PDB file of N, CA and C in Angstrom:
ATOM      1  N   MET A   1     -16.638  -4.332   9.674  1.00  0.00           N
ATOM      2  CA  MET A   1     -15.422  -3.602   9.092  1.00  0.00           C
ATOM      3  C   MET A   1     -14.298  -4.447   8.646  1.00  0.00           C
ATOM      4  N   ARG A   2     -13.925  -5.457   9.491  1.00  0.00           N
ATOM      5  CA  ARG A   2     -12.915  -6.308   9.160  1.00  0.00           C
ATOM      6  C   ARG A   2     -13.200  -7.175   7.874  1.00  0.00           C
ATOM      7  N   SER A   3     -14.582  -7.523   7.555  1.00  0.00           N
ATOM      8  CA  SER A   3     -14.747  -8.130   6.339  1.00  0.00           C
ATOM      9  C   SER A   3     -14.663  -7.268   5.099  1.00  0.00           C
ATOM     10  N   ILE A   4     -14.806  -5.932   5.361  1.00  0.00           N
ATOM     11  CA  ILE A   4     -14.456  -4.974   4.273  1.00  0.00           C
ATOM     12  C   ILE A   4     -13.113  -5.097   4.032  1.00  0.00           C
ATOM     13  N   LEU A   5     -12.224  -4.882   5.087  1.00  0.00           N
ATOM     14  CA  LEU A   5     -10.808  -4.835   4.950  1.00  0.00           C
ATOM     15  C   LEU A   5     -10.218  -6.116   4.409  1.00  0.00           C
ATOM     16  N   ILE A   6     -10.781  -7.138   4.659  1.00  0.00           N
ATOM     17  CA  ILE A   6     -10.336  -8.494   4.012  1.00  0.00           C
ATOM     18  C   ILE A   6     -10.690  -8.508   2.562  1.00  0.00           C
ATOM     19  N   GLY A   7     -11.831  -8.122   2.200  1.00  0.00           N
ATOM     20  CA  GLY A   7     -12.145  -7.936   0.748  1.00  0.00           C
ATOM     21  C   GLY A   7     -11.119  -6.938   0.041  1.00  0.00           C
ATOM     22  N   VAL A   8     -10.979  -5.856   0.613  1.00  0.00           N
ATOM     23  CA  VAL A   8      -9.884  -4.846  -0.058  1.00  0.00           C
ATOM     24  C   VAL A   8      -8.756  -5.509  -0.170  1.00  0.00           C
ATOM     25  N   ALA A   9      -8.267  -6.130   0.904  1.00  0.00           N
ATOM     26  CA  ALA A   9      -6.978  -6.868   0.907  1.00  0.00           C
ATOM     27  C   ALA A   9      -6.696  -7.852  -0.202  1.00  0.00           C
ATOM     28  N   ALA A  10      -7.795  -8.657  -0.478  1.00  0.00           N
ATOM     29  CA  ALA A  10      -8.010  -9.568  -1.358  1.00  0.00           C
ATOM     30  C   ALA A  10      -7.687  -8.832  -2.718  1.00  0.00           C
ATOM     31  N   ALA A  11      -8.474  -7.868  -3.065  1.00  0.00           N
ATOM     32  CA  ALA A  11      -8.417  -6.906  -4.284  1.00  0.00           C
ATOM     33  C   ALA A  11      -6.854  -6.546  -4.402  1.00  0.00           C
ATOM     34  N   ALA A  12      -6.388  -6.061  -3.449  1.00  0.00           N
ATOM     35  CA  ALA A  12      -5.248  -5.520  -3.524  1.00  0.00           C
ATOM     36  C   ALA A  12      -4.126  -6.695  -3.787  1.00  0.00           C
ATOM     37  N   ALA A  13      -4.055  -7.534  -3.230  1.00  0.00           N
ATOM     38  CA  ALA A  13      -3.289  -8.904  -3.371  1.00  0.00           C
ATOM     39  C   ALA A  13      -3.444  -9.287  -4.906  1.00  0.00           C
ATOM     40  N   ALA A  14      -4.556  -9.189  -5.342  1.00  0.00           N
ATOM     41  CA  ALA A  14      -4.610  -9.635  -6.971  1.00  0.00           C
ATOM     42  C   ALA A  14      -4.030  -8.835  -7.821  1.00  0.00           C
ATOM     43  N   LEU A  15      -3.642  -7.658  -7.343  1.00  0.00           N
ATOM     44  CA  LEU A  15      -2.893  -6.597  -8.263  1.00  0.00           C
ATOM     45  C   LEU A  15      -1.254  -6.916  -8.212  1.00  0.00           C
ATOM     46  N   VAL A  16      -0.845  -7.893  -7.401  1.00  0.00           N
ATOM     47  CA  VAL A  16       0.447  -8.298  -7.276  1.00  0.00           C
ATOM     48  C   VAL A  16       1.176  -8.390  -8.680  1.00  0.00           C
ATOM     49  N   THR A  17       0.513  -8.868  -9.512  1.00  0.00           N
ATOM     50  CA  THR A  17       1.296  -9.192 -10.854  1.00  0.00           C
ATOM     51  C   THR A  17       1.611  -7.790 -11.491  1.00  0.00           C
ATOM     52  N   ALA A  18       0.854  -6.678 -11.236  1.00  0.00           N
ATOM     53  CA  ALA A  18       1.059  -5.547 -11.978  1.00  0.00           C
ATOM     54  C   ALA A  18       2.066  -4.647 -11.512  1.00  0.00           C
ATOM     55  N   ALA A  19       3.357  -5.109 -11.559  1.00  0.00           N
ATOM     56  CA  ALA A  19       4.652  -4.483 -10.943  1.00  0.00           C
ATOM     57  C   ALA A  19       4.897  -3.285 -11.965  1.00  0.00           C
ATOM     58  N   PRO A  20       5.309  -2.053 -11.337  1.00  0.00           N
ATOM     59  CA  PRO A  20       5.706  -1.011 -12.003  1.00  0.00           C
ATOM     60  C   PRO A  20       6.864  -1.422 -12.955  1.00  0.00           C
ATOM     61  N   ALA A  21       6.828  -0.936 -14.193  1.00  0.00           N
ATOM     62  CA  ALA A  21       7.811  -0.958 -15.206  1.00  0.00           C
ATOM     63  C   ALA A  21       8.717   0.120 -15.463  1.00  0.00           C
ATOM     64  N   ALA A  22       8.419   1.080 -14.921  1.00  0.00           N
ATOM     65  CA  ALA A  22       9.252   2.270 -15.210  1.00  0.00           C
ATOM     66  C   ALA A  22      10.672   2.296 -14.445  1.00  0.00           C
ATOM     67  N   ALA A  23      11.659   2.925 -15.061  1.00  0.00           N
ATOM     68  CA  ALA A  23      12.943   2.848 -14.506  1.00  0.00           C
ATOM     69  C   ALA A  23      12.985   3.597 -13.072  1.00  0.00           C
ATOM     70  N   ASP A  24      12.346   4.716 -12.825  1.00  0.00           N
ATOM     71  CA  ASP A  24      12.113   5.339 -11.637  1.00  0.00           C
ATOM     72  C   ASP A  24      10.958   4.830 -10.790  1.00  0.00           C
ATOM     73  N   PRO A  25      11.272   4.046  -9.634  1.00  0.00           N
ATOM     74  CA  PRO A  25      10.112   3.561  -8.939  1.00  0.00           C
ATOM     75  C   PRO A  25       9.206   4.564  -8.390  1.00  0.00           C
ATOM     76  N   ASP A  26       9.784   5.672  -7.956  1.00  0.00           N
ATOM     77  CA  ASP A  26       8.963   6.676  -7.272  1.00  0.00           C
ATOM     78  C   ASP A  26       7.790   7.162  -8.417  1.00  0.00           C
ATOM     79  N   THR A  27       8.246   7.324  -9.696  1.00  0.00           N
ATOM     80  CA  THR A  27       7.286   7.781 -10.509  1.00  0.00           C
ATOM     81  C   THR A  27       6.325   6.808 -10.902  1.00  0.00           C
ATOM     82  N   ALA A  28       6.595   5.434 -11.017  1.00  0.00           N
ATOM     83  CA  ALA A  28       5.966   4.437 -11.245  1.00  0.00           C
ATOM     84  C   ALA A  28       4.947   4.291 -10.114  1.00  0.00           C
ATOM     85  N   PHE A  29       5.351   4.523  -8.925  1.00  0.00           N
ATOM     86  CA  PHE A  29       4.489   4.273  -7.717  1.00  0.00           C
ATOM     87  C   PHE A  29       3.462   5.467  -7.831  1.00  0.00           C
ATOM     88  N   THR A  30       3.810   6.763  -8.217  1.00  0.00           N
ATOM     89  CA  THR A  30       3.009   7.834  -8.274  1.00  0.00           C
ATOM     90  C   THR A  30       1.987   7.610  -9.286  1.00  0.00           C
ATOM     91  N   ASN A  31       2.327   7.061 -10.453  1.00  0.00           N
ATOM     92  CA  ASN A  31       1.441   6.847 -11.617  1.00  0.00           C
ATOM     93  C   ASN A  31       0.349   5.769 -11.115  1.00  0.00           C
ATOM     94  N   GLU A  32       0.828   4.849 -10.521  1.00  0.00           N
ATOM     95  CA  GLU A  32      -0.038   3.681 -10.069  1.00  0.00           C
ATOM     96  C   GLU A  32      -1.121   4.378  -9.009  1.00  0.00           C
ATOM     97  N   LEU A  33      -0.560   5.173  -8.092  1.00  0.00           N
ATOM     98  CA  LEU A  33      -1.521   5.766  -7.105  1.00  0.00           C
ATOM     99  C   LEU A  33      -2.517   6.699  -7.805  1.00  0.00           C
ATOM    100  N   ASN A  34      -2.130   7.405  -8.735  1.00  0.00           N
ATOM    101  CA  ASN A  34      -3.179   8.229  -9.632  1.00  0.00           C
ATOM    102  C   ASN A  34      -4.177   7.499 -10.183  1.00  0.00           C
ATOM    103  N   THR A  35      -3.860   6.229 -10.458  1.00  0.00           N
ATOM    104  CA  THR A  35      -5.156   5.376 -11.053  1.00  0.00           C
ATOM    105  C   THR A  35      -6.175   5.005 -10.009  1.00  0.00           C
ATOM    106  N   TYR A  36      -5.747   4.993  -8.874  1.00  0.00           N
ATOM    107  CA  TYR A  36      -6.620   4.768  -7.745  1.00  0.00           C
ATOM    108  C   TYR A  36      -7.381   6.022  -7.156  1.00  0.00           C
ATOM    109  N   GLY A  37      -7.055   7.220  -7.692  1.00  0.00           N
ATOM    110  CA  GLY A  37      -7.502   8.587  -7.148  1.00  0.00           C
ATOM    111  C   GLY A  37      -6.756   9.059  -6.055  1.00  0.00           C
ATOM    112  N   ILE A  38      -5.579   8.515  -5.804  1.00  0.00           N
ATOM    113  CA  ILE A  38      -4.721   9.119  -4.877  1.00  0.00           C
ATOM    114  C   ILE A  38      -3.734   9.935  -5.409  1.00  0.00           C
ATOM    115  N   TYR A  39      -3.758  11.143  -4.946  1.00  0.00           N
ATOM    116  CA  TYR A  39      -2.833  12.063  -5.537  1.00  0.00           C
ATOM    117  C   TYR A  39      -2.050  12.664  -4.446  1.00  0.00           C
ATOM    118  N   GLY A  40      -1.243  13.700  -4.714  1.00  0.00           N
ATOM    119  CA  GLY A  40      -0.375  14.212  -3.686  1.00  0.00           C
ATOM    120  C   GLY A  40       1.034  14.352  -4.199  1.00  0.00           C
ATOM    121  N   GLN A  41       1.932  14.752  -3.347  1.00  0.00           N
ATOM    122  CA  GLN A  41       3.368  15.139  -3.732  1.00  0.00           C
ATOM    123  C   GLN A  41       3.878  13.754  -3.951  1.00  0.00           C
ATOM    124  N   LYS A  42       4.710  13.701  -4.931  1.00  0.00           N
ATOM    125  CA  LYS A  42       5.351  12.500  -5.408  1.00  0.00           C
ATOM    126  C   LYS A  42       6.373  12.067  -4.169  1.00  0.00           C
ATOM    127  N   ASP A  43       7.140  12.933  -3.783  1.00  0.00           N
ATOM    128  CA  ASP A  43       8.103  12.526  -2.717  1.00  0.00           C
ATOM    129  C   ASP A  43       7.510  12.106  -1.479  1.00  0.00           C
ATOM    130  N   TYR A  44       6.431  12.771  -1.041  1.00  0.00           N
ATOM    131  CA  TYR A  44       5.688  12.315   0.290  1.00  0.00           C
ATOM    132  C   TYR A  44       5.143  11.061   0.126  1.00  0.00           C
ATOM    133  N   ASN A  45       4.444  10.892  -1.084  1.00  0.00           N
ATOM    134  CA  ASN A  45       3.773   9.385  -1.245  1.00  0.00           C
ATOM    135  C   ASN A  45       4.837   8.255  -1.290  1.00  0.00           C
ATOM    136  N   ALA A  46       5.953   8.688  -1.945  1.00  0.00           N
ATOM    137  CA  ALA A  46       7.126   7.595  -1.998  1.00  0.00           C
ATOM    138  C   ALA A  46       7.688   7.285  -0.569  1.00  0.00           C
ATOM    139  N   TRP A  47       7.743   8.412   0.209  1.00  0.00           N
ATOM    140  CA  TRP A  47       8.214   8.239   1.609  1.00  0.00           C
ATOM    141  C   TRP A  47       7.294   7.388   2.353  1.00  0.00           C
ATOM    142  N   ILE A  48       5.936   7.824   2.363  1.00  0.00           N
ATOM    143  CA  ILE A  48       5.027   6.868   3.117  1.00  0.00           C
ATOM    144  C   ILE A  48       5.135   5.372   2.442  1.00  0.00           C
ATOM    145  N   GLY A  49       5.296   5.211   1.257  1.00  0.00           N
ATOM    146  CA  GLY A  49       5.421   3.636   0.847  1.00  0.00           C
ATOM    147  C   GLY A  49       6.691   3.126   1.453  1.00  0.00           C
ATOM    148  N   LYS A  50       7.758   3.761   1.666  1.00  0.00           N
ATOM    149  CA  LYS A  50       8.983   3.200   2.211  1.00  0.00           C
ATOM    150  C   LYS A  50       8.971   3.041   3.569  1.00  0.00           C
ATOM    151  N   ILE A  51       8.315   4.118   4.224  1.00  0.00           N
ATOM    152  CA  ILE A  51       8.173   4.020   5.646  1.00  0.00           C
ATOM    153  C   ILE A  51       7.271   2.767   6.040  1.00  0.00           C
ATOM    154  N   ALA A  52       6.071   2.503   5.222  1.00  0.00           N
ATOM    155  CA  ALA A  52       5.367   1.445   5.470  1.00  0.00           C
ATOM    156  C   ALA A  52       6.078   0.206   5.506  1.00  0.00           C
ATOM    157  N   CYS A  53       7.041   0.025   4.462  1.00  0.00           N
ATOM    158  CA  CYS A  53       7.912  -1.139   4.382  1.00  0.00           C
ATOM    159  C   CYS A  53       8.673  -1.177   5.724  1.00  0.00           C
ATOM    160  N   LYS A  54       9.375  -0.119   6.126  1.00  0.00           N
ATOM    161  CA  LYS A  54      10.345  -0.168   7.143  1.00  0.00           C
ATOM    162  C   LYS A  54       9.473  -0.575   8.480  1.00  0.00           C
ATOM    163  N   ARG A  55       8.373  -0.092   8.517  1.00  0.00           N
ATOM    164  CA  ARG A  55       7.483  -0.331   9.702  1.00  0.00           C
ATOM    165  C   ARG A  55       7.133  -2.000   9.822  1.00  0.00           C
ATOM    166  N   ILE A  56       6.818  -2.400   8.637  1.00  0.00           N
ATOM    167  CA  ILE A  56       6.561  -4.019   8.674  1.00  0.00           C
ATOM    168  C   ILE A  56       7.948  -4.668   9.036  1.00  0.00           C
ATOM    169  N   THR A  57       9.120  -4.216   8.350  1.00  0.00           N
ATOM    170  CA  THR A  57      10.170  -4.900   8.567  1.00  0.00           C
ATOM    171  C   THR A  57      10.761  -4.934   9.994  1.00  0.00           C
ATOM    172  N   THR A  58      10.591  -3.875  10.727  1.00  0.00           N
ATOM    173  CA  THR A  58      10.995  -3.660  11.933  1.00  0.00           C
ATOM    174  C   THR A  58       9.880  -4.161  13.060  1.00  0.00           C
ATOM    175  N   GLY A  59       8.732  -4.573  12.588  1.00  0.00           N
ATOM    176  CA  GLY A  59       7.666  -4.890  13.592  1.00  0.00           C
ATOM    177  C   GLY A  59       7.073  -3.960  14.292  1.00  0.00           C
ATOM    178  N   VAL A  60       7.041  -2.570  13.853  1.00  0.00           N
ATOM    179  CA  VAL A  60       6.187  -1.525  14.298  1.00  0.00           C
ATOM    180  C   VAL A  60       4.882  -1.912  13.993  1.00  0.00           C
ATOM    181  N   ASP A  61       4.603  -2.440  12.652  1.00  0.00           N
ATOM    182  CA  ASP A  61       3.294  -2.786  12.265  1.00  0.00           C
ATOM    183  C   ASP A  61       3.296  -4.367  12.172  1.00  0.00           C
ATOM    184  N   ALA A  62       2.576  -4.989  13.112  1.00  0.00           N
ATOM    185  CA  ALA A  62       2.579  -6.510  13.085  1.00  0.00           C
ATOM    186  C   ALA A  62       1.908  -7.132  11.999  1.00  0.00           C
ATOM    187  N   ASN A  63       0.938  -6.408  11.317  1.00  0.00           N
ATOM    188  CA  ASN A  63       0.150  -7.108  10.194  1.00  0.00           C
ATOM    189  C   ASN A  63      -0.324  -5.949   9.329  1.00  0.00           C
ATOM    190  N   ALA A  64      -0.876  -6.575   8.211  1.00  0.00           N
ATOM    191  CA  ALA A  64      -1.230  -5.562   7.160  1.00  0.00           C
ATOM    192  C   ALA A  64      -2.356  -4.599   7.636  1.00  0.00           C
ATOM    193  N   PHE A  65      -3.219  -5.061   8.559  1.00  0.00           N
ATOM    194  CA  PHE A  65      -4.306  -4.183   9.091  1.00  0.00           C
ATOM    195  C   PHE A  65      -3.699  -3.053   9.876  1.00  0.00           C
ATOM    196  N   GLU A  66      -2.706  -3.136  10.475  1.00  0.00           N
ATOM    197  CA  GLU A  66      -1.937  -1.910  11.238  1.00  0.00           C
ATOM    198  C   GLU A  66      -1.227  -1.245  10.221  1.00  0.00           C
ATOM    199  N   SER A  67      -0.636  -1.784   9.127  1.00  0.00           N
ATOM    200  CA  SER A  67       0.103  -1.070   8.070  1.00  0.00           C
ATOM    201  C   SER A  67      -0.905  -0.090   7.302  1.00  0.00           C
ATOM    202  N   ALA A  68      -2.028  -0.865   6.990  1.00  0.00           N
ATOM    203  CA  ALA A  68      -3.026  -0.109   6.176  1.00  0.00           C
ATOM    204  C   ALA A  68      -3.621   1.208   6.869  1.00  0.00           C
ATOM    205  N   ASP A  69      -3.857   0.911   8.387  1.00  0.00           N
ATOM    206  CA  ASP A  69      -4.215   1.891   9.203  1.00  0.00           C
ATOM    207  C   ASP A  69      -3.175   3.217   9.164  1.00  0.00           C
ATOM    208  N   PHE A  70      -2.019   2.765   9.367  1.00  0.00           N
ATOM    209  CA  PHE A  70      -0.884   3.801   9.257  1.00  0.00           C
ATOM    210  C   PHE A  70      -1.096   4.642   7.969  1.00  0.00           C
ATOM    211  N   VAL A  71      -1.154   3.890   6.892  1.00  0.00           N
ATOM    212  CA  VAL A  71      -1.286   4.569   5.609  1.00  0.00           C
ATOM    213  C   VAL A  71      -2.382   5.398   5.447  1.00  0.00           C
ATOM    214  N   HIS A  72      -3.611   4.936   5.989  1.00  0.00           N
ATOM    215  CA  HIS A  72      -4.893   5.612   5.821  1.00  0.00           C
ATOM    216  C   HIS A  72      -4.735   6.967   6.571  1.00  0.00           C
ATOM    217  N   ASN A  73      -3.953   6.873   7.566  1.00  0.00           N
ATOM    218  CA  ASN A  73      -3.828   8.087   8.502  1.00  0.00           C
ATOM    219  C   ASN A  73      -2.895   9.136   7.978  1.00  0.00           C
ATOM    220  N   GLN A  74      -2.065   8.800   6.806  1.00  0.00           N
ATOM    221  CA  GLN A  74      -1.177   9.648   6.245  1.00  0.00           C
ATOM    222  C   GLN A  74      -1.872  10.197   4.911  1.00  0.00           C
ATOM    223  N   LEU A  75      -2.674   9.742   4.417  1.00  0.00           N
ATOM    224  CA  LEU A  75      -3.518  10.242   3.348  1.00  0.00           C
ATOM    225  C   LEU A  75      -4.303  11.309   3.574  1.00  0.00           C
ATOM    226  N   GLU A  76      -4.639  12.074   2.353  1.00  0.00           N
ATOM    227  CA  GLU A  76      -5.299  13.307   2.588  1.00  0.00           C
ATOM    228  C   GLU A  76      -6.810  12.940   3.160  1.00  0.00           C
ATOM    229  N   LYS A  77      -7.427  13.925   3.889  1.00  0.00           N
ATOM    230  CA  LYS A  77      -8.781  13.673   4.420  1.00  0.00           C
ATOM    231  C   LYS A  77      -9.745  13.151   3.315  1.00  0.00           C
ATOM    232  N   GLY A  78     -10.521  12.425   3.621  1.00  0.00           N
ATOM    233  CA  GLY A  78     -11.520  11.917   2.589  1.00  0.00           C
ATOM    234  C   GLY A  78     -11.052  10.580   1.857  1.00  0.00           C
ATOM    235  N   ALA A  79      -9.724  10.286   1.987  1.00  0.00           N
ATOM    236  CA  ALA A  79      -9.233   8.991   1.415  1.00  0.00           C
ATOM    237  C   ALA A  79      -9.989   7.776   1.998  1.00  0.00           C
ATOM    238  N   THR A  80     -10.195   6.796   1.332  1.00  0.00           N
ATOM    239  CA  THR A  80     -11.290   5.728   1.593  1.00  0.00           C
ATOM    240  C   THR A  80     -10.215   4.542   2.221  1.00  0.00           C
ATOM    241  N   THR A  81     -10.798   3.655   2.863  1.00  0.00           N
ATOM    242  CA  THR A  81     -10.163   2.453   3.414  1.00  0.00           C
ATOM    243  C   THR A  81      -9.634   1.893   2.217  1.00  0.00           C
ATOM    244  N   GLU A  82     -10.318   1.651   1.160  1.00  0.00           N
ATOM    245  CA  GLU A  82      -9.944   0.935  -0.112  1.00  0.00           C
ATOM    246  C   GLU A  82      -8.650   1.576  -0.693  1.00  0.00           C
ATOM    247  N   GLN A  83      -8.790   2.881  -0.628  1.00  0.00           N
ATOM    248  CA  GLN A  83      -7.617   3.605  -1.225  1.00  0.00           C
ATOM    249  C   GLN A  83      -6.229   3.299  -0.354  1.00  0.00           C
ATOM    250  N   ALA A  84      -6.481   3.198   1.006  1.00  0.00           N
ATOM    251  CA  ALA A  84      -5.282   2.928   1.786  1.00  0.00           C
ATOM    252  C   ALA A  84      -4.712   1.514   1.570  1.00  0.00           C
ATOM    253  N   TRP A  85      -5.583   0.424   1.394  1.00  0.00           N
ATOM    254  CA  TRP A  85      -5.225  -0.731   1.012  1.00  0.00           C
ATOM    255  C   TRP A  85      -4.568  -0.872  -0.454  1.00  0.00           C
ATOM    256  N   LYS A  86      -4.995  -0.167  -1.463  1.00  0.00           N
ATOM    257  CA  LYS A  86      -4.339  -0.276  -2.659  1.00  0.00           C
ATOM    258  C   LYS A  86      -2.952   0.536  -2.543  1.00  0.00           C
ATOM    259  N   PHE A  87      -2.885   1.630  -1.800  1.00  0.00           N
ATOM    260  CA  PHE A  87      -1.761   2.397  -1.760  1.00  0.00           C
ATOM    261  C   PHE A  87      -0.611   1.193  -0.985  1.00  0.00           C
ATOM    262  N   LEU A  88      -1.163   0.609   0.035  1.00  0.00           N
ATOM    263  CA  LEU A  88      -0.244  -0.281   0.760  1.00  0.00           C
ATOM    264  C   LEU A  88       0.221  -1.374  -0.201  1.00  0.00           C
ATOM    265  N   ALA A  89      -0.646  -1.990  -1.002  1.00  0.00           N
ATOM    266  CA  ALA A  89      -0.355  -3.021  -1.900  1.00  0.00           C
ATOM    267  C   ALA A  89       0.705  -2.458  -2.938  1.00  0.00           C
ATOM    268  N   ALA A  90       0.558  -1.373  -3.439  1.00  0.00           N
ATOM    269  CA  ALA A  90       1.396  -0.675  -4.355  1.00  0.00           C
ATOM    270  C   ALA A  90       2.859  -0.308  -3.829  1.00  0.00           C
ATOM    271  N   GLY A  91       2.676   0.150  -2.598  1.00  0.00           N
ATOM    272  CA  GLY A  91       3.934   0.322  -1.847  1.00  0.00           C
ATOM    273  C   GLY A  91       4.772  -0.843  -1.582  1.00  0.00           C
ATOM    274  N   LEU A  92       4.149  -1.951  -1.291  1.00  0.00           N
ATOM    275  CA  LEU A  92       4.959  -3.240  -0.951  1.00  0.00           C
ATOM    276  C   LEU A  92       5.504  -3.672  -2.429  1.00  0.00           C
ATOM    277  N   ARG A  93       4.597  -3.768  -3.359  1.00  0.00           N
ATOM    278  CA  ARG A  93       5.166  -4.091  -4.754  1.00  0.00           C
ATOM    279  C   ARG A  93       6.426  -3.307  -5.135  1.00  0.00           C
ATOM    280  N   THR A  94       6.206  -2.153  -4.944  1.00  0.00           N
ATOM    281  CA  THR A  94       7.294  -1.220  -5.481  1.00  0.00           C
ATOM    282  C   THR A  94       8.628  -1.126  -4.484  1.00  0.00           C
ATOM    283  N   TYR A  95       8.475  -1.137  -3.168  1.00  0.00           N
ATOM    284  CA  TYR A  95       9.492  -1.037  -2.187  1.00  0.00           C
ATOM    285  C   TYR A  95      10.192  -2.073  -1.538  1.00  0.00           C
ATOM    286  N   CYS A  96       9.281  -3.083  -1.255  1.00  0.00           N
ATOM    287  CA  CYS A  96       9.551  -4.281  -0.481  1.00  0.00           C
ATOM    288  C   CYS A  96       8.836  -5.546  -0.884  1.00  0.00           C
ATOM    289  N   PRO A  97       8.861  -5.932  -2.180  1.00  0.00           N
ATOM    290  CA  PRO A  97       8.097  -7.038  -2.678  1.00  0.00           C
ATOM    291  C   PRO A  97       8.203  -8.408  -1.795  1.00  0.00           C
ATOM    292  N   ASP A  98       9.256  -8.447  -0.984  1.00  0.00           N
ATOM    293  CA  ASP A  98       9.318  -9.414  -0.149  1.00  0.00           C
ATOM    294  C   ASP A  98       8.337  -9.541   1.054  1.00  0.00           C
ATOM    295  N   LYS A  99       7.737  -8.432   1.247  1.00  0.00           N
ATOM    296  CA  LYS A  99       6.741  -8.140   2.284  1.00  0.00           C
ATOM    297  C   LYS A  99       5.331  -8.498   1.782  1.00  0.00           C
ATOM    298  N   LEU A 100       5.068  -8.830   0.544  1.00  0.00           N
ATOM    299  CA  LEU A 100       3.799  -8.979   0.017  1.00  0.00           C
ATOM    300  C   LEU A 100       2.872 -10.076   0.747  1.00  0.00           C
ATOM    301  N   PRO A 101       3.514 -11.021   1.267  1.00  0.00           N
ATOM    302  CA  PRO A 101       2.780 -12.073   1.853  1.00  0.00           C
ATOM    303  C   PRO A 101       1.919 -11.561   2.967  1.00  0.00           C
ATOM    304  N   ILE A 102       2.221 -10.510   3.541  1.00  0.00           N
ATOM    305  CA  ILE A 102       1.292 -10.141   4.536  1.00  0.00           C
ATOM    306  C   ILE A 102       0.000  -9.700   4.011  1.00  0.00           C
ATOM    307  N   LEU A 103      -0.242  -9.370   2.839  1.00  0.00           N
ATOM    308  CA  LEU A 103      -1.501  -9.114   2.310  1.00  0.00           C
ATOM    309  C   LEU A 103      -2.424 -10.464   2.179  1.00  0.00           C
ATOM    310  N   ASP A 104      -1.630 -11.627   1.724  1.00  0.00           N
ATOM    311  CA  ASP A 104      -2.165 -12.893   1.837  1.00  0.00           C
ATOM    312  C   ASP A 104      -2.766 -13.285   3.257  1.00  0.00           C
ATOM    313  N   GLN A 105      -1.809 -13.010   4.269  1.00  0.00           N
ATOM    314  CA  GLN A 105      -2.232 -13.301   5.561  1.00  0.00           C
ATOM    315  C   GLN A 105      -3.414 -12.476   6.044  1.00  0.00           C
ATOM    316  N   ALA A 106      -3.551 -11.272   5.504  1.00  0.00           N
ATOM    317  CA  ALA A 106      -4.784 -10.467   5.887  1.00  0.00           C
ATOM    318  C   ALA A 106      -5.974 -10.963   5.412  1.00  0.00           C
ATOM    319  N   ARG A 107      -5.890 -11.741   4.250  1.00  0.00           N
ATOM    320  CA  ARG A 107      -7.125 -12.411   3.552  1.00  0.00           C
ATOM    321  C   ARG A 107      -7.664 -13.611   4.448  1.00  0.00           C
ATOM    322  N   GLN A 108      -6.780 -14.187   5.083  1.00  0.00           N
ATOM    323  CA  GLN A 108      -7.137 -15.331   5.868  1.00  0.00           C
ATOM    324  C   GLN A 108      -7.573 -15.241   7.211  1.00  0.00           C
TER     325      GLN A 108
END
C-alpha cells in the first residue's frame, strides 16, 4: 500500500508546475479537480483544500500520508487513493504552495 501511495505522491508532485491561472482560486481548484474525476460542491472542495493546508501548518497532519488520508475521508464514497493524492497536490498548489515540499518528502 505504501508503495502505491509513494507512486501517486510522485505523480502528484510532478503536477506542481501546473498552477491554476484563473483569477478565482476556488474556481480554478474546482476545474482542476474535475479533470481528475473529482466532483462535488465547489465551496466544500475549496474548504477541504484549505483545511488540509491548515492541518499541515498546525501539525495536525504530520506528513503527506496523514493529509491524503484526511482528504480521502472527506471525498465521496468510491473516491480512489490516487484521487485523494491528486486533490491534496492541487490543494497545496492552490492554497498553500509553501507546503508542497511535503509531497517530495512522501516520495522519499
